[in-house]
Amino acid sequence: MSTSALVEFHGASVAGRVTNLTFSVHTGDKLGVIGPSGAGKTTLISLITGMLTPDSGLVDIHANVVGYIPQDPGSSLCPRMTVAECIIEPQVIRLRGHADKVRELQRLQESIPAMLAALGLEPEIAQRTPRQLSGGQRQRVAIARALLGEPELVVADEAFSALDHDTARLLQDLLLGSSSTVIFVSHNVTALRATCDDLLIMMDGTVRYHGPADNVDTTDPEVAAFLMAAKELTQ
């Protein structure tokens, strides 16, 4: 595993949301992010994906391609587009003004059938619309949309909670078996500790713990109480 930082937060703050976020995520790491409602997880995701900029401090993302899997993946698809158009749309936006745009888009277009097959979908559905698919198929198409282009960084925002069991298992295997740096945001602390290298715990807009996931060493009583309650909820 490389020691180079792919994600770096340097005292990043957003007024009324998060304060002095300072941490880094290294290339190839699998990081789990957890915290109670209102802890600042959504703001953290927005800062990582570029949907929000900090009021103070810095956020440095050193990934050329970032894949984002939202909480309800299937609802992120435009019903008027074909499946192929939905999958490649983020890449069309990313490559605007790129010198090799046409060639790169053609390469990505040609890789869509293989991506669909890897997710257990027939390549023929590429010409259908999302309305013509089942809920589980739409979820897998949204995952293909996030993973096309071999992103160096993938952010999965509570994505597993909305997926059927088979799709959730498939996505987990794909992400954990990839070389991508992955940030999982979840309420399931047991699952995060079992699958992630490190855990980041947020409370009240601040980072209260960042360290090994399999052995959380904290003297913070609030963090300890939260972890105990979160563990009981998943049992």
Foldseek 3Di string as FASTA:
>chain_A
DDPAFQKFWAQFAAPPQAGGAGDTFHFQFEEEEEEDPSLRPVVVVCCQVVVDAGPDTDIDGNWLAEFEQEQQLLVVADQVDQLLCRLCVVVLVSCVVPPCSVVVSVVLSVCLQVLCVLQVHHSVSRGPGSVPDDSQSSSSSSVSSRCRPNTQEYEYENNLVNHDPVNSVSVLCVVLVHSHHYYYYHLQLVVCLVRGQWYWYGGNNYTPDIDGSVDGDDPDPVVVVSVVVSNVVVD
